[in-house]
Amino acid sequence: MFDFTVCTASSLAGQRLPKGFEFQRGNLLVERWDHGLVRRAVADLCLQTEGANWSEVAQKLSRYGRWEFEDYAGVDGGTEPDSAV
């Protein structure tokens, strides 16, 4: 699971956002609230993120949203969540 805080960009004092949205670490800035735009932004991010395996993809996605397993240390000290669950 990845979390994003969606907020408007009015605090940017008149700056325009390319494509009408922008990702910041854990935040998705939008010019105005638009459920469809938020869904498209997240879907586009997921479609454009590639990796050799899920761990690599998840690490890349965690640059944008907060990942539930970010900084996770398993019982054995590893950082890979148990995929057999």
Protein backbone atom coordinates (compact mmCIF):
# COMPACT_ATOMS: atom_id res chain seq x y z
CA MET A 1 0.00 0.00 0.00
CA PHE A 2 1.20 3.49 -0.86
CA ASP A 3 -0.21 6.65 0.70
CA PHE A 4 -0.47 10.08 -0.89
CA THR A 5 -1.76 13.27 0.61
CA VAL A 6 -3.68 15.04 -2.14
CA CYS A 7 -3.76 18.80 -1.82
CA THR A 8 -4.31 21.82 -4.02
CA ALA A 9 -1.42 23.89 -5.19
CA SER A 10 -2.88 27.25 -4.12
CA SER A 11 -0.01 27.57 -1.63
CA LEU A 12 2.39 27.82 -4.57
CA ALA A 13 1.34 31.46 -5.09
CA GLY A 14 0.21 31.40 -8.69
CA GLN A 15 2.65 28.85 -10.08
CA ARG A 16 1.13 26.60 -12.72
CA LEU A 17 1.67 22.86 -12.51
CA PRO A 18 2.65 21.01 -15.68
CA LYS A 19 -0.08 18.50 -16.62
CA GLY A 20 -2.26 19.96 -13.83
CA PHE A 21 -0.56 17.82 -11.15
CA GLU A 22 2.81 17.26 -9.51
CA PHE A 23 4.11 14.61 -7.15
CA GLN A 24 6.17 15.52 -4.11
CA ARG A 25 7.42 12.99 -1.59
CA GLY A 26 4.20 11.62 -0.11
CA ASN A 27 2.11 14.39 -1.66
CA LEU A 28 0.23 14.78 -4.87
CA LEU A 29 -0.36 18.45 -5.66
CA VAL A 30 -3.28 19.29 -7.91
CA GLU A 31 -4.43 22.64 -9.23
CA ARG A 32 -7.98 21.84 -8.15
CA TRP A 33 -9.72 18.83 -6.64
CA ASP A 34 -10.65 16.44 -9.41
CA HIS A 35 -11.13 12.79 -8.49
CA GLY A 36 -10.55 11.68 -12.09
CA LEU A 37 -7.28 13.61 -12.31
CA VAL A 38 -6.03 12.05 -9.07
CA ARG A 39 -6.87 8.56 -10.36
CA ARG A 40 -5.17 9.28 -13.71
CA ALA A 41 -2.06 10.69 -12.02
CA VAL A 42 -1.62 7.62 -9.82
CA ALA A 43 -2.45 5.22 -12.68
CA ASP A 44 0.07 6.97 -14.96
CA LEU A 45 2.73 6.76 -12.26
CA CYS A 46 2.11 3.02 -11.84
CA LEU A 47 2.10 2.36 -15.59
CA GLN A 48 5.38 4.23 -16.08
CA THR A 49 7.22 2.56 -13.20
CA GLU A 50 9.19 -0.52 -14.24
CA GLY A 51 11.57 -2.87 -12.51
CA ALA A 52 13.00 -6.36 -12.61
CA ASN A 53 10.78 -7.44 -9.68
CA TRP A 54 8.17 -6.15 -7.25
CA SER A 55 10.79 -4.99 -4.75
CA GLU A 56 12.45 -2.78 -7.36
CA VAL A 57 9.11 -1.37 -8.53
CA ALA A 58 8.01 -0.72 -4.94
CA GLN A 59 11.26 1.09 -4.16
CA LYS A 60 10.72 3.35 -7.18
CA LEU A 61 7.07 4.03 -6.26
CA SER A 62 8.12 4.83 -2.68
CA ARG A 63 9.96 7.87 -4.05
CA TYR A 64 6.52 9.36 -4.68
CA GLY A 65 4.23 7.89 -2.03
CA ARG A 66 4.72 6.56 1.46
CA TRP A 67 5.06 2.77 1.20
CA GLU A 68 3.76 0.65 4.08
CA PHE A 69 7.01 -1.39 4.04
CA GLU A 70 9.36 1.58 3.78
CA ASP A 71 12.22 1.07 6.26
CA TYR A 72 10.79 -2.37 7.08
CA ALA A 73 13.19 -4.77 8.76
CA GLY A 74 11.90 -8.33 8.81
CA VAL A 75 12.44 -10.89 11.54
CA ASP A 76 15.64 -11.98 9.83
CA GLY A 77 16.77 -8.36 9.45
CA GLY A 78 16.03 -8.29 5.72
CA THR A 79 14.15 -5.46 4.05
CA GLU A 80 12.02 -7.63 1.75
CA PRO A 81 8.44 -8.10 3.03
CA ASP A 82 7.24 -11.68 3.15
CA SER A 83 5.63 -12.23 -0.25
CA ALA A 84 4.12 -15.57 0.77
CA VAL A 85 1.46 -13.92 2.97
